[in-house]
Amino acid sequence: MKLKIACLQMDIMFGKPKKNYEAAEAMIEKALKSNPDVIVLPELWTTGYDLTRLDDIGDQDAAAALTFLKGIAKKIMFIWWVDLLQIKLPMAFTILF
């Protein structure tokens, strides 16, 4: 079985989650035109690697990212495998879904 994989290379905006979500959505829509089986987003694409402000811009339990990805998945019947930064105080770690 062959899989078609779309690896999204984004210009991640440091510490700007809203801009990163907008960029990800645009790139996902573009990638979908090639009918991929898998779409891969960059690590820490939501926060843009701004680890100094995780208390302010971090995604508690990855809730916002999951809501975003679920919304897209419902529209296109797609299953995600993503690495997300999860904030659970007192520490942060990445998780795969």
PDB file of N, CA and C in Angstrom:
ATOM      1  N   MET A   1       0.837  -1.182   0.000  1.00  0.00           N
ATOM      2  CA  MET A   1       0.000   0.000   0.000  1.00  0.00           C
ATOM      3  C   MET A   1       0.884   1.249   0.000  1.00  0.00           C
ATOM      4  N   LYS A   2       0.576   2.158  -0.885  1.00  0.00           N
ATOM      5  CA  LYS A   2       1.306   3.420  -0.942  1.00  0.00           C
ATOM      6  C   LYS A   2       0.510   4.507  -0.239  1.00  0.00           C
ATOM      7  N   LEU A   3       1.219   5.347   0.487  1.00  0.00           N
ATOM      8  CA  LEU A   3       0.597   6.495   1.144  1.00  0.00           C
ATOM      9  C   LEU A   3       1.130   7.765   0.520  1.00  0.00           C
ATOM     10  N   LYS A   4       0.244   8.696   0.296  1.00  0.00           N
ATOM     11  CA  LYS A   4       0.650  10.017  -0.180  1.00  0.00           C
ATOM     12  C   LYS A   4       0.674  10.932   1.040  1.00  0.00           C
ATOM     13  N   ILE A   5       1.852  11.475   1.335  1.00  0.00           N
ATOM     14  CA  ILE A   5       2.036  12.284   2.538  1.00  0.00           C
ATOM     15  C   ILE A   5       2.343  13.721   2.147  1.00  0.00           C
ATOM     16  N   ALA A   6       1.605  14.654   2.735  1.00  0.00           N
ATOM     17  CA  ALA A   6       1.855  16.083   2.534  1.00  0.00           C
ATOM     18  C   ALA A   6       2.520  16.625   3.793  1.00  0.00           C
ATOM     19  N   CYS A   7       3.783  17.009   3.671  1.00  0.00           N
ATOM     20  CA  CYS A   7       4.523  17.601   4.791  1.00  0.00           C
ATOM     21  C   CYS A   7       4.462  19.114   4.646  1.00  0.00           C
ATOM     22  N   LEU A   8       3.781  19.772   5.562  1.00  0.00           N
ATOM     23  CA  LEU A   8       3.599  21.215   5.463  1.00  0.00           C
ATOM     24  C   LEU A   8       4.781  21.945   6.085  1.00  0.00           C
ATOM     25  N   GLN A   9       5.459  22.711   5.277  1.00  0.00           N
ATOM     26  CA  GLN A   9       6.569  23.536   5.736  1.00  0.00           C
ATOM     27  C   GLN A   9       6.055  24.963   5.852  1.00  0.00           C
ATOM     28  N   MET A  10       5.812  25.394   7.060  1.00  0.00           N
ATOM     29  CA  MET A  10       5.237  26.713   7.318  1.00  0.00           C
ATOM     30  C   MET A  10       6.299  27.689   7.791  1.00  0.00           C
ATOM     31  N   ASP A  11       6.082  28.944   7.481  1.00  0.00           N
ATOM     32  CA  ASP A  11       6.874  30.011   8.086  1.00  0.00           C
ATOM     33  C   ASP A  11       6.179  30.331   9.409  1.00  0.00           C
ATOM     34  N   ILE A  12       6.535  29.578  10.437  1.00  0.00           N
ATOM     35  CA  ILE A  12       5.873  29.701  11.737  1.00  0.00           C
ATOM     36  C   ILE A  12       6.181  31.069  12.332  1.00  0.00           C
ATOM     37  N   MET A  13       5.123  31.734  12.790  1.00  0.00           N
ATOM     38  CA  MET A  13       5.255  33.060  13.396  1.00  0.00           C
ATOM     39  C   MET A  13       5.525  32.893  14.889  1.00  0.00           C
ATOM     40  N   PHE A  14       6.673  33.351  15.332  1.00  0.00           N
ATOM     41  CA  PHE A  14       7.104  33.217  16.715  1.00  0.00           C
ATOM     42  C   PHE A  14       6.094  33.864  17.660  1.00  0.00           C
ATOM     43  N   GLY A  15       5.464  33.045  18.521  1.00  0.00           N
ATOM     44  CA  GLY A  15       4.569  33.552  19.552  1.00  0.00           C
ATOM     45  C   GLY A  15       3.253  34.112  19.055  1.00  0.00           C
ATOM     46  N   LYS A  16       2.809  33.717  17.859  1.00  0.00           N
ATOM     47  CA  LYS A  16       1.558  34.252  17.301  1.00  0.00           C
ATOM     48  C   LYS A  16       0.634  33.109  16.883  1.00  0.00           C
ATOM     49  N   PRO A  17      -0.006  32.460  17.861  1.00  0.00           N
ATOM     50  CA  PRO A  17      -0.863  31.322  17.550  1.00  0.00           C
ATOM     51  C   PRO A  17      -1.941  31.621  16.505  1.00  0.00           C
ATOM     52  N   LYS A  18      -2.613  32.771  16.601  1.00  0.00           N
ATOM     53  CA  LYS A  18      -3.694  33.078  15.655  1.00  0.00           C
ATOM     54  C   LYS A  18      -3.177  33.075  14.219  1.00  0.00           C
ATOM     55  N   LYS A  19      -2.039  33.706  13.998  1.00  0.00           N
ATOM     56  CA  LYS A  19      -1.433  33.741  12.658  1.00  0.00           C
ATOM     57  C   LYS A  19      -1.037  32.333  12.216  1.00  0.00           C
ATOM     58  N   ASN A  20      -0.551  31.522  13.147  1.00  0.00           N
ATOM     59  CA  ASN A  20      -0.138  30.163  12.810  1.00  0.00           C
ATOM     60  C   ASN A  20      -1.331  29.284  12.449  1.00  0.00           C
ATOM     61  N   TYR A  21      -2.452  29.456  13.146  1.00  0.00           N
ATOM     62  CA  TYR A  21      -3.666  28.716  12.785  1.00  0.00           C
ATOM     63  C   TYR A  21      -4.135  29.115  11.390  1.00  0.00           C
ATOM     64  N   GLU A  22      -4.117  30.407  11.102  1.00  0.00           N
ATOM     65  CA  GLU A  22      -4.537  30.890   9.783  1.00  0.00           C
ATOM     66  C   GLU A  22      -3.637  30.327   8.685  1.00  0.00           C
ATOM     67  N   ALA A  23      -2.336  30.353   8.920  1.00  0.00           N
ATOM     68  CA  ALA A  23      -1.390  29.823   7.932  1.00  0.00           C
ATOM     69  C   ALA A  23      -1.574  28.318   7.751  1.00  0.00           C
ATOM     70  N   ALA A  24      -1.771  27.604   8.857  1.00  0.00           N
ATOM     71  CA  ALA A  24      -1.964  26.154   8.782  1.00  0.00           C
ATOM     72  C   ALA A  24      -3.220  25.826   7.990  1.00  0.00           C
ATOM     73  N   GLU A  25      -4.299  26.550   8.254  1.00  0.00           N
ATOM     74  CA  GLU A  25      -5.548  26.278   7.537  1.00  0.00           C
ATOM     75  C   GLU A  25      -5.377  26.498   6.037  1.00  0.00           C
ATOM     76  N   ALA A  26      -4.716  27.576   5.656  1.00  0.00           N
ATOM     77  CA  ALA A  26      -4.488  27.857   4.234  1.00  0.00           C
ATOM     78  C   ALA A  26      -3.629  26.766   3.596  1.00  0.00           C
ATOM     79  N   MET A  27      -2.599  26.331   4.303  1.00  0.00           N
ATOM     80  CA  MET A  27      -1.723  25.297   3.755  1.00  0.00           C
ATOM     81  C   MET A  27      -2.418  23.941   3.690  1.00  0.00           C
ATOM     82  N   ILE A  28      -3.265  23.652   4.668  1.00  0.00           N
ATOM     83  CA  ILE A  28      -4.021  22.398   4.650  1.00  0.00           C
ATOM     84  C   ILE A  28      -4.958  22.385   3.451  1.00  0.00           C
ATOM     85  N   GLU A  29      -5.663  23.493   3.233  1.00  0.00           N
ATOM     86  CA  GLU A  29      -6.570  23.576   2.086  1.00  0.00           C
ATOM     87  C   GLU A  29      -5.815  23.371   0.779  1.00  0.00           C
ATOM     88  N   LYS A  30      -4.645  23.955   0.669  1.00  0.00           N
ATOM     89  CA  LYS A  30      -3.825  23.793  -0.534  1.00  0.00           C
ATOM     90  C   LYS A  30      -3.370  22.338  -0.682  1.00  0.00           C
ATOM     91  N   ALA A  31      -2.923  21.742   0.421  1.00  0.00           N
ATOM     92  CA  ALA A  31      -2.445  20.357   0.388  1.00  0.00           C
ATOM     93  C   ALA A  31      -3.556  19.382   0.012  1.00  0.00           C
ATOM     94  N   LEU A  32      -4.776  19.670   0.443  1.00  0.00           N
ATOM     95  CA  LEU A  32      -5.896  18.769   0.171  1.00  0.00           C
ATOM     96  C   LEU A  32      -6.184  18.622  -1.319  1.00  0.00           C
ATOM     97  N   LYS A  33      -5.765  19.588  -2.110  1.00  0.00           N
ATOM     98  CA  LYS A  33      -5.995  19.518  -3.560  1.00  0.00           C
ATOM     99  C   LYS A  33      -5.229  18.358  -4.197  1.00  0.00           C
ATOM    100  N   SER A  34      -4.182  17.880  -3.530  1.00  0.00           N
ATOM    101  CA  SER A  34      -3.414  16.753  -4.063  1.00  0.00           C
ATOM    102  C   SER A  34      -3.873  15.411  -3.476  1.00  0.00           C
ATOM    103  N   ASN A  35      -4.967  15.428  -2.727  1.00  0.00           N
ATOM    104  CA  ASN A  35      -5.558  14.219  -2.136  1.00  0.00           C
ATOM    105  C   ASN A  35      -4.568  13.377  -1.323  1.00  0.00           C
ATOM    106  N   PRO A  36      -3.962  13.962  -0.305  1.00  0.00           N
ATOM    107  CA  PRO A  36      -3.012  13.184   0.504  1.00  0.00           C
ATOM    108  C   PRO A  36      -3.736  12.218   1.437  1.00  0.00           C
ATOM    109  N   ASP A  37      -3.028  11.178   1.827  1.00  0.00           N
ATOM    110  CA  ASP A  37      -3.540  10.257   2.841  1.00  0.00           C
ATOM    111  C   ASP A  37      -3.196  10.763   4.238  1.00  0.00           C
ATOM    112  N   VAL A  38      -2.100  11.494   4.329  1.00  0.00           N
ATOM    113  CA  VAL A  38      -1.606  12.009   5.606  1.00  0.00           C
ATOM    114  C   VAL A  38      -1.127  13.442   5.398  1.00  0.00           C
ATOM    115  N   ILE A  39      -1.425  14.300   6.360  1.00  0.00           N
ATOM    116  CA  ILE A  39      -0.895  15.662   6.363  1.00  0.00           C
ATOM    117  C   ILE A  39      -0.089  15.826   7.649  1.00  0.00           C
ATOM    118  N   VAL A  40       1.137  16.290   7.513  1.00  0.00           N
ATOM    119  CA  VAL A  40       2.022  16.463   8.662  1.00  0.00           C
ATOM    120  C   VAL A  40       2.257  17.955   8.886  1.00  0.00           C
ATOM    121  N   LEU A  41       1.957  18.402  10.089  1.00  0.00           N
ATOM    122  CA  LEU A  41       2.213  19.792  10.478  1.00  0.00           C
ATOM    123  C   LEU A  41       3.520  19.859  11.268  1.00  0.00           C
ATOM    124  N   PRO A  42       4.196  21.007  11.242  1.00  0.00           N
ATOM    125  CA  PRO A  42       5.458  21.129  11.983  1.00  0.00           C
ATOM    126  C   PRO A  42       5.256  21.035  13.499  1.00  0.00           C
ATOM    127  N   GLU A  43       6.296  20.608  14.165  1.00  0.00           N
ATOM    128  CA  GLU A  43       6.287  20.569  15.624  1.00  0.00           C
ATOM    129  C   GLU A  43       6.123  21.990  16.164  1.00  0.00           C
ATOM    130  N   LEU A  44       5.326  22.137  17.193  1.00  0.00           N
ATOM    131  CA  LEU A  44       5.089  23.423  17.862  1.00  0.00           C
ATOM    132  C   LEU A  44       4.554  24.498  16.918  1.00  0.00           C
ATOM    133  N   TRP A  45       3.783  24.084  15.920  1.00  0.00           N
ATOM    134  CA  TRP A  45       3.256  25.038  14.938  1.00  0.00           C
ATOM    135  C   TRP A  45       2.285  26.028  15.554  1.00  0.00           C
ATOM    136  N   THR A  46       1.661  25.693  16.647  1.00  0.00           N
ATOM    137  CA  THR A  46       0.682  26.622  17.230  1.00  0.00           C
ATOM    138  C   THR A  46       1.343  27.802  17.925  1.00  0.00           C
ATOM    139  N   THR A  47       2.352  27.539  18.730  1.00  0.00           N
ATOM    140  CA  THR A  47       2.976  28.615  19.510  1.00  0.00           C
ATOM    141  C   THR A  47       4.156  29.266  18.813  1.00  0.00           C
ATOM    142  N   GLY A  48       4.611  28.670  17.751  1.00  0.00           N
ATOM    143  CA  GLY A  48       5.751  29.247  17.050  1.00  0.00           C
ATOM    144  C   GLY A  48       7.024  29.220  17.878  1.00  0.00           C
ATOM    145  N   TYR A  49       7.175  28.194  18.704  1.00  0.00           N
ATOM    146  CA  TYR A  49       8.390  27.989  19.503  1.00  0.00           C
ATOM    147  C   TYR A  49       8.631  29.055  20.566  1.00  0.00           C
ATOM    148  N   ASP A  50       7.646  29.872  20.873  1.00  0.00           N
ATOM    149  CA  ASP A  50       7.830  30.883  21.921  1.00  0.00           C
ATOM    150  C   ASP A  50       7.612  30.221  23.281  1.00  0.00           C
ATOM    151  N   LEU A  51       8.615  29.505  23.734  1.00  0.00           N
ATOM    152  CA  LEU A  51       8.503  28.762  24.988  1.00  0.00           C
ATOM    153  C   LEU A  51       8.605  29.652  26.209  1.00  0.00           C
ATOM    154  N   THR A  52       9.008  30.893  26.025  1.00  0.00           N
ATOM    155  CA  THR A  52       9.133  31.815  27.154  1.00  0.00           C
ATOM    156  C   THR A  52       7.778  32.350  27.607  1.00  0.00           C
ATOM    157  N   ARG A  53       6.749  32.239  26.758  1.00  0.00           N
ATOM    158  CA  ARG A  53       5.423  32.783  27.084  1.00  0.00           C
ATOM    159  C   ARG A  53       4.337  31.708  27.085  1.00  0.00           C
ATOM    160  N   LEU A  54       4.699  30.493  27.425  1.00  0.00           N
ATOM    161  CA  LEU A  54       3.723  29.409  27.385  1.00  0.00           C
ATOM    162  C   LEU A  54       2.528  29.658  28.297  1.00  0.00           C
ATOM    163  N   ASP A  55       2.750  30.330  29.418  1.00  0.00           N
ATOM    164  CA  ASP A  55       1.626  30.627  30.310  1.00  0.00           C
ATOM    165  C   ASP A  55       0.594  31.511  29.617  1.00  0.00           C
ATOM    166  N   ASP A  56       1.038  32.369  28.714  1.00  0.00           N
ATOM    167  CA  ASP A  56       0.138  33.294  28.018  1.00  0.00           C
ATOM    168  C   ASP A  56      -0.438  32.708  26.734  1.00  0.00           C
ATOM    169  N   ILE A  57       0.384  32.023  25.953  1.00  0.00           N
ATOM    170  CA  ILE A  57      -0.067  31.583  24.628  1.00  0.00           C
ATOM    171  C   ILE A  57      -0.203  30.075  24.504  1.00  0.00           C
ATOM    172  N   GLY A  58       0.169  29.338  25.546  1.00  0.00           N
ATOM    173  CA  GLY A  58       0.076  27.882  25.500  1.00  0.00           C
ATOM    174  C   GLY A  58      -1.369  27.423  25.418  1.00  0.00           C
ATOM    175  N   ASP A  59      -1.555  26.257  24.888  1.00  0.00           N
ATOM    176  CA  ASP A  59      -2.881  25.685  24.652  1.00  0.00           C
ATOM    177  C   ASP A  59      -3.163  24.644  25.733  1.00  0.00           C
ATOM    178  N   GLN A  60      -3.934  25.028  26.745  1.00  0.00           N
ATOM    179  CA  GLN A  60      -4.249  24.140  27.865  1.00  0.00           C
ATOM    180  C   GLN A  60      -4.870  22.846  27.353  1.00  0.00           C
ATOM    181  N   ASP A  61      -4.225  21.726  27.630  1.00  0.00           N
ATOM    182  CA  ASP A  61      -4.668  20.397  27.199  1.00  0.00           C
ATOM    183  C   ASP A  61      -4.804  20.283  25.681  1.00  0.00           C
ATOM    184  N   ALA A  62      -4.149  21.158  24.943  1.00  0.00           N
ATOM    185  CA  ALA A  62      -4.203  21.179  23.470  1.00  0.00           C
ATOM    186  C   ALA A  62      -5.637  21.347  22.961  1.00  0.00           C
ATOM    187  N   ALA A  63      -6.493  21.951  23.776  1.00  0.00           N
ATOM    188  CA  ALA A  63      -7.919  22.070  23.447  1.00  0.00           C
ATOM    189  C   ALA A  63      -8.173  22.884  22.184  1.00  0.00           C
ATOM    190  N   ALA A  64      -7.523  24.025  22.036  1.00  0.00           N
ATOM    191  CA  ALA A  64      -7.758  24.867  20.858  1.00  0.00           C
ATOM    192  C   ALA A  64      -7.276  24.178  19.587  1.00  0.00           C
ATOM    193  N   ALA A  65      -6.103  23.556  19.653  1.00  0.00           N
ATOM    194  CA  ALA A  65      -5.570  22.860  18.474  1.00  0.00           C
ATOM    195  C   ALA A  65      -6.461  21.689  18.087  1.00  0.00           C
ATOM    196  N   LEU A  66      -6.931  20.944  19.077  1.00  0.00           N
ATOM    197  CA  LEU A  66      -7.804  19.811  18.774  1.00  0.00           C
ATOM    198  C   LEU A  66      -9.135  20.266  18.194  1.00  0.00           C
ATOM    199  N   THR A  67      -9.692  21.340  18.715  1.00  0.00           N
ATOM    200  CA  THR A  67     -10.938  21.881  18.164  1.00  0.00           C
ATOM    201  C   THR A  67     -10.727  22.298  16.714  1.00  0.00           C
ATOM    202  N   PHE A  68      -9.630  22.974  16.442  1.00  0.00           N
ATOM    203  CA  PHE A  68      -9.282  23.404  15.087  1.00  0.00           C
ATOM    204  C   PHE A  68      -9.163  22.194  14.154  1.00  0.00           C
ATOM    205  N   LEU A  69      -8.383  21.193  14.556  1.00  0.00           N
ATOM    206  CA  LEU A  69      -8.162  20.023  13.711  1.00  0.00           C
ATOM    207  C   LEU A  69      -9.420  19.178  13.550  1.00  0.00           C
ATOM    208  N   LYS A  70     -10.216  19.053  14.609  1.00  0.00           N
ATOM    209  CA  LYS A  70     -11.473  18.305  14.510  1.00  0.00           C
ATOM    210  C   LYS A  70     -12.428  18.977  13.537  1.00  0.00           C
ATOM    211  N   GLY A  71     -12.463  20.309  13.567  1.00  0.00           N
ATOM    212  CA  GLY A  71     -13.329  21.040  12.645  1.00  0.00           C
ATOM    213  C   GLY A  71     -12.971  20.767  11.199  1.00  0.00           C
ATOM    214  N   ILE A  72     -11.688  20.774  10.909  1.00  0.00           N
ATOM    215  CA  ILE A  72     -11.244  20.473   9.545  1.00  0.00           C
ATOM    216  C   ILE A  72     -11.511  19.006   9.215  1.00  0.00           C
ATOM    217  N   ALA A  73     -11.230  18.120  10.155  1.00  0.00           N
ATOM    218  CA  ALA A  73     -11.426  16.688   9.922  1.00  0.00           C
ATOM    219  C   ALA A  73     -12.882  16.362   9.614  1.00  0.00           C
ATOM    220  N   LYS A  74     -13.814  17.009  10.291  1.00  0.00           N
ATOM    221  CA  LYS A  74     -15.237  16.768  10.033  1.00  0.00           C
ATOM    222  C   LYS A  74     -15.622  17.179   8.622  1.00  0.00           C
ATOM    223  N   LYS A  75     -15.044  18.278   8.150  1.00  0.00           N
ATOM    224  CA  LYS A  75     -15.371  18.764   6.807  1.00  0.00           C
ATOM    225  C   LYS A  75     -14.826  17.846   5.719  1.00  0.00           C
ATOM    226  N   ILE A  76     -13.677  17.254   5.969  1.00  0.00           N
ATOM    227  CA  ILE A  76     -13.015  16.506   4.902  1.00  0.00           C
ATOM    228  C   ILE A  76     -12.875  15.015   5.194  1.00  0.00           C
ATOM    229  N   MET A  77     -13.448  14.548   6.307  1.00  0.00           N
ATOM    230  CA  MET A  77     -13.360  13.145   6.696  1.00  0.00           C
ATOM    231  C   MET A  77     -11.899  12.693   6.733  1.00  0.00           C
ATOM    232  N   PHE A  78     -11.143  13.294   7.598  1.00  0.00           N
ATOM    233  CA  PHE A  78      -9.703  13.073   7.680  1.00  0.00           C
ATOM    234  C   PHE A  78      -9.339  12.732   9.112  1.00  0.00           C
ATOM    235  N   ILE A  79      -8.348  11.883   9.286  1.00  0.00           N
ATOM    236  CA  ILE A  79      -7.855  11.538  10.618  1.00  0.00           C
ATOM    237  C   ILE A  79      -6.466  12.141  10.781  1.00  0.00           C
ATOM    238  N   TRP A  80      -6.249  12.802  11.914  1.00  0.00           N
ATOM    239  CA  TRP A  80      -4.977  13.486  12.165  1.00  0.00           C
ATOM    240  C   TRP A  80      -4.060  12.635  13.021  1.00  0.00           C
ATOM    241  N   TRP A  81      -2.780  12.741  12.745  1.00  0.00           N
ATOM    242  CA  TRP A  81      -1.729  12.225  13.616  1.00  0.00           C
ATOM    243  C   TRP A  81      -0.812  13.405  13.834  1.00  0.00           C
ATOM    244  N   VAL A  82      -0.915  14.042  14.973  1.00  0.00           N
ATOM    245  CA  VAL A  82      -0.183  15.289  15.189  1.00  0.00           C
ATOM    246  C   VAL A  82       0.549  15.280  16.518  1.00  0.00           C
ATOM    247  N   ASP A  83       1.589  16.054  16.552  1.00  0.00           N
ATOM    248  CA  ASP A  83       2.375  16.267  17.762  1.00  0.00           C
ATOM    249  C   ASP A  83       2.042  17.675  18.248  1.00  0.00           C
ATOM    250  N   LEU A  84       1.407  17.779  19.393  1.00  0.00           N
ATOM    251  CA  LEU A  84       0.988  19.077  19.920  1.00  0.00           C
ATOM    252  C   LEU A  84       1.625  19.329  21.277  1.00  0.00           C
ATOM    253  N   LEU A  85       1.922  20.581  21.513  1.00  0.00           N
ATOM    254  CA  LEU A  85       2.412  20.975  22.827  1.00  0.00           C
ATOM    255  C   LEU A  85       1.219  21.042  23.767  1.00  0.00           C
ATOM    256  N   GLN A  86       1.271  20.281  24.834  1.00  0.00           N
ATOM    257  CA  GLN A  86       0.184  20.263  25.804  1.00  0.00           C
ATOM    258  C   GLN A  86       0.662  20.935  27.079  1.00  0.00           C
ATOM    259  N   ILE A  87      -0.131  21.875  27.543  1.00  0.00           N
ATOM    260  CA  ILE A  87       0.205  22.589  28.770  1.00  0.00           C
ATOM    261  C   ILE A  87      -0.613  22.003  29.914  1.00  0.00           C
ATOM    262  N   LYS A  88       0.061  21.386  30.837  1.00  0.00           N
ATOM    263  CA  LYS A  88      -0.569  20.917  32.074  1.00  0.00           C
ATOM    264  C   LYS A  88       0.366  21.348  33.180  1.00  0.00           C
ATOM    265  N   LEU A  89      -0.004  22.442  33.791  1.00  0.00           N
ATOM    266  CA  LEU A  89       0.873  22.978  34.824  1.00  0.00           C
ATOM    267  C   LEU A  89       1.094  21.940  35.911  1.00  0.00           C
ATOM    268  N   PRO A  90       2.278  21.792  36.412  1.00  0.00           N
ATOM    269  CA  PRO A  90       3.400  22.724  36.339  1.00  0.00           C
ATOM    270  C   PRO A  90       4.362  22.459  35.182  1.00  0.00           C
ATOM    271  N   MET A  91       4.003  21.636  34.191  1.00  0.00           N
ATOM    272  CA  MET A  91       4.950  21.374  33.116  1.00  0.00           C
ATOM    273  C   MET A  91       4.246  21.337  31.772  1.00  0.00           C
ATOM    274  N   ALA A  92       5.027  21.375  30.721  1.00  0.00           N
ATOM    275  CA  ALA A  92       4.495  21.279  29.368  1.00  0.00           C
ATOM    276  C   ALA A  92       5.180  20.107  28.675  1.00  0.00           C
ATOM    277  N   PHE A  93       4.446  19.439  27.809  1.00  0.00           N
ATOM    278  CA  PHE A  93       5.026  18.324  27.074  1.00  0.00           C
ATOM    279  C   PHE A  93       4.274  18.169  25.763  1.00  0.00           C
ATOM    280  N   THR A  94       4.850  17.399  24.849  1.00  0.00           N
ATOM    281  CA  THR A  94       4.171  17.183  23.579  1.00  0.00           C
ATOM    282  C   THR A  94       3.428  15.864  23.617  1.00  0.00           C
ATOM    283  N   ILE A  95       2.351  15.806  22.842  1.00  0.00           N
ATOM    284  CA  ILE A  95       1.542  14.599  22.760  1.00  0.00           C
ATOM    285  C   ILE A  95       1.238  14.307  21.303  1.00  0.00           C
ATOM    286  N   LEU A  96       1.009  13.050  21.005  1.00  0.00           N
ATOM    287  CA  LEU A  96       0.597  12.655  19.661  1.00  0.00           C
ATOM    288  C   LEU A  96      -0.859  12.250  19.700  1.00  0.00           C
ATOM    289  N   PHE A  97      -1.607  12.682  18.691  1.00  0.00           N
ATOM    290  CA  PHE A  97      -3.005  12.281  18.566  1.00  0.00           C
ATOM    291  C   PHE A  97      -3.173  11.546  17.266  1.00  0.00           C
TER     292      PHE A  97
END
